[in-house]
Amino acid sequence: MATVYKVNKGINQSIEFKGLKAQYIWYLGGGIILLLILFAGLFILGLPSFLCVGLILILGTLLVVKTYALSRKYGEYGMMKALARRQLPKHVKCYSRRVFMKR
């Protein structure tokens, strides 16, 4: 019997899958694809298969843990807000009082 996963929570709600929200689902999927390509490259280079599998398992575990941590910490839009906040200047210098004077 096939397993059915609930993906959407409702109208105008962000996609959530097993605790991952919005763009973090794509980040995890892209990371897994990169790990598959890395495994294939290491295997083609002639590294022992146990070493390749061990390295990919460690990196995969780190990927999943980090992705879930980001999803929990920032939520749906929080990471975009944090990146935008870093681009704001700390101070605005104004050498003239004309800005604050009423005309």
C-alpha atoms as a PDB file:
ATOM      1  CA  MET A   1       0.000   0.000   0.000  1.00  0.00           C
ATOM      2  CA  ALA A   2       1.329   3.429  -0.914  1.00  0.00           C
ATOM      3  CA  THR A   3       2.062   6.095   1.690  1.00  0.00           C
ATOM      4  CA  VAL A   4       0.241   9.389   1.256  1.00  0.00           C
ATOM      5  CA  TYR A   5       1.924  12.539   2.556  1.00  0.00           C
ATOM      6  CA  LYS A   6       0.005  15.697   3.354  1.00  0.00           C
ATOM      7  CA  VAL A   7       1.781  18.615   1.675  1.00  0.00           C
ATOM      8  CA  ASN A   8      -0.562  21.628   1.640  1.00  0.00           C
ATOM      9  CA  LYS A   9      -2.141  22.901   4.839  1.00  0.00           C
ATOM     10  CA  GLY A  10      -4.844  25.084   3.317  1.00  0.00           C
ATOM     11  CA  ILE A  11      -5.651  28.057   1.173  1.00  0.00           C
ATOM     12  CA  ASN A  12      -3.035  30.842   1.257  1.00  0.00           C
ATOM     13  CA  GLN A  13      -0.775  28.802   3.530  1.00  0.00           C
ATOM     14  CA  SER A  14       2.834  28.062   2.695  1.00  0.00           C
ATOM     15  CA  ILE A  15       3.854  24.563   1.695  1.00  0.00           C
ATOM     16  CA  GLU A  16       5.048  22.474   4.618  1.00  0.00           C
ATOM     17  CA  PHE A  17       6.459  18.962   4.344  1.00  0.00           C
ATOM     18  CA  LYS A  18       7.510  17.078   7.464  1.00  0.00           C
ATOM     19  CA  GLY A  19       8.388  20.296   9.292  1.00  0.00           C
ATOM     20  CA  LEU A  20      10.217  22.004   6.404  1.00  0.00           C
ATOM     21  CA  LYS A  21       8.626  25.232   5.259  1.00  0.00           C
ATOM     22  CA  ALA A  22       8.561  26.923   1.850  1.00  0.00           C
ATOM     23  CA  GLN A  23      11.973  27.293   0.186  1.00  0.00           C
ATOM     24  CA  TYR A  24      13.767  24.926   2.571  1.00  0.00           C
ATOM     25  CA  ILE A  25      12.155  21.975   0.790  1.00  0.00           C
ATOM     26  CA  TRP A  26      13.954  23.088  -2.375  1.00  0.00           C
ATOM     27  CA  TYR A  27      17.221  23.645  -0.514  1.00  0.00           C
ATOM     28  CA  LEU A  28      17.126  20.100   0.863  1.00  0.00           C
ATOM     29  CA  GLY A  29      16.251  18.625  -2.540  1.00  0.00           C
ATOM     30  CA  GLY A  30      19.055  20.540  -4.262  1.00  0.00           C
ATOM     31  CA  GLY A  31      21.510  19.484  -1.572  1.00  0.00           C
ATOM     32  CA  ILE A  32      20.587  15.827  -2.013  1.00  0.00           C
ATOM     33  CA  ILE A  33      21.110  16.097  -5.769  1.00  0.00           C
ATOM     34  CA  LEU A  34      24.532  17.692  -5.177  1.00  0.00           C
ATOM     35  CA  LEU A  35      25.412  14.869  -2.795  1.00  0.00           C
ATOM     36  CA  LEU A  36      24.471  12.303  -5.458  1.00  0.00           C
ATOM     37  CA  ILE A  37      26.708  14.049  -7.983  1.00  0.00           C
ATOM     38  CA  LEU A  38      29.534  14.217  -5.425  1.00  0.00           C
ATOM     39  CA  PHE A  39      29.168  10.506  -4.697  1.00  0.00           C
ATOM     40  CA  ALA A  40      29.310   9.668  -8.400  1.00  0.00           C
ATOM     41  CA  GLY A  41      32.391  11.849  -8.868  1.00  0.00           C
ATOM     42  CA  LEU A  42      34.222  10.311  -5.918  1.00  0.00           C
ATOM     43  CA  PHE A  43      33.322   6.805  -7.061  1.00  0.00           C
ATOM     44  CA  ILE A  44      34.520   7.508 -10.613  1.00  0.00           C
ATOM     45  CA  LEU A  45      37.798   8.891  -9.235  1.00  0.00           C
ATOM     46  CA  GLY A  46      38.420   5.474  -7.704  1.00  0.00           C
ATOM     47  CA  LEU A  47      37.930   6.109  -3.993  1.00  0.00           C
ATOM     48  CA  PRO A  48      36.823   3.055  -2.009  1.00  0.00           C
ATOM     49  CA  SER A  49      33.056   2.720  -1.913  1.00  0.00           C
ATOM     50  CA  PHE A  50      32.939   2.555   1.910  1.00  0.00           C
ATOM     51  CA  LEU A  51      34.767   5.876   2.088  1.00  0.00           C
ATOM     52  CA  CYS A  52      32.387   7.430  -0.456  1.00  0.00           C
ATOM     53  CA  VAL A  53      29.286   6.162   1.337  1.00  0.00           C
ATOM     54  CA  GLY A  54      30.615   7.245   4.739  1.00  0.00           C
ATOM     55  CA  LEU A  55      31.472  10.732   3.521  1.00  0.00           C
ATOM     56  CA  ILE A  56      28.087  11.171   1.805  1.00  0.00           C
ATOM     57  CA  LEU A  57      26.246   9.936   4.921  1.00  0.00           C
ATOM     58  CA  ILE A  58      28.067  12.430   7.113  1.00  0.00           C
ATOM     59  CA  LEU A  59      27.491  15.308   4.665  1.00  0.00           C
ATOM     60  CA  GLY A  60      23.855  14.260   4.172  1.00  0.00           C
ATOM     61  CA  THR A  61      23.239  14.226   7.897  1.00  0.00           C
ATOM     62  CA  LEU A  62      24.769  17.696   8.225  1.00  0.00           C
ATOM     63  CA  LEU A  63      22.635  18.909   5.309  1.00  0.00           C
ATOM     64  CA  VAL A  64      19.388  17.657   6.859  1.00  0.00           C
ATOM     65  CA  VAL A  65      20.207  18.979  10.335  1.00  0.00           C
ATOM     66  CA  LYS A  66      21.245  22.397   9.019  1.00  0.00           C
ATOM     67  CA  THR A  67      18.203  22.685   6.737  1.00  0.00           C
ATOM     68  CA  TYR A  68      15.789  21.848   9.545  1.00  0.00           C
ATOM     69  CA  ALA A  69      17.615  24.287  11.840  1.00  0.00           C
ATOM     70  CA  LEU A  70      17.275  27.089   9.277  1.00  0.00           C
ATOM     71  CA  SER A  71      13.605  26.259   8.754  1.00  0.00           C
ATOM     72  CA  ARG A  72      12.952  26.360  12.494  1.00  0.00           C
ATOM     73  CA  LYS A  73      14.983  29.516  13.088  1.00  0.00           C
ATOM     74  CA  TYR A  74      13.804  31.695  10.190  1.00  0.00           C
ATOM     75  CA  GLY A  75      10.474  30.237   9.102  1.00  0.00           C
ATOM     76  CA  GLU A  76       8.930  31.025   5.755  1.00  0.00           C
ATOM     77  CA  TYR A  77      10.222  34.548   5.117  1.00  0.00           C
ATOM     78  CA  GLY A  78      12.677  35.087   7.958  1.00  0.00           C
ATOM     79  CA  MET A  79      15.868  34.293   6.067  1.00  0.00           C
ATOM     80  CA  MET A  80      14.995  36.750   3.300  1.00  0.00           C
ATOM     81  CA  LYS A  81      14.295  39.396   5.955  1.00  0.00           C
ATOM     82  CA  ALA A  82      17.602  38.677   7.700  1.00  0.00           C
ATOM     83  CA  LEU A  83      19.534  38.974   4.415  1.00  0.00           C
ATOM     84  CA  ALA A  84      17.727  42.228   3.599  1.00  0.00           C
ATOM     85  CA  ARG A  85      18.466  43.593   7.083  1.00  0.00           C
ATOM     86  CA  ARG A  86      22.190  43.023   6.532  1.00  0.00           C
ATOM     87  CA  GLN A  87      22.092  45.263   3.456  1.00  0.00           C
ATOM     88  CA  LEU A  88      20.680  48.262   5.330  1.00  0.00           C
ATOM     89  CA  PRO A  89      23.205  50.895   6.370  1.00  0.00           C
ATOM     90  CA  LYS A  90      23.973  51.189  10.073  1.00  0.00           C
ATOM     91  CA  HIS A  91      24.042  55.002   9.996  1.00  0.00           C
ATOM     92  CA  VAL A  92      22.842  57.722   7.654  1.00  0.00           C
ATOM     93  CA  LYS A  93      24.989  60.846   7.679  1.00  0.00           C
ATOM     94  CA  CYS A  94      23.428  64.168   6.881  1.00  0.00           C
ATOM     95  CA  TYR A  95      25.615  67.281   6.783  1.00  0.00           C
ATOM     96  CA  SER A  96      22.793  69.733   6.216  1.00  0.00           C
ATOM     97  CA  ARG A  97      19.801  70.804   8.300  1.00  0.00           C
ATOM     98  CA  ARG A  98      17.702  71.513   5.198  1.00  0.00           C
ATOM     99  CA  VAL A  99      16.191  68.048   5.301  1.00  0.00           C
ATOM    100  CA  PHE A 100      14.588  68.736   8.672  1.00  0.00           C
ATOM    101  CA  MET A 101      13.495  72.309   8.068  1.00  0.00           C
ATOM    102  CA  LYS A 102       9.897  73.086   7.151  1.00  0.00           C
ATOM    103  CA  ARG A 103       9.305  75.256   4.138  1.00  0.00           C
END
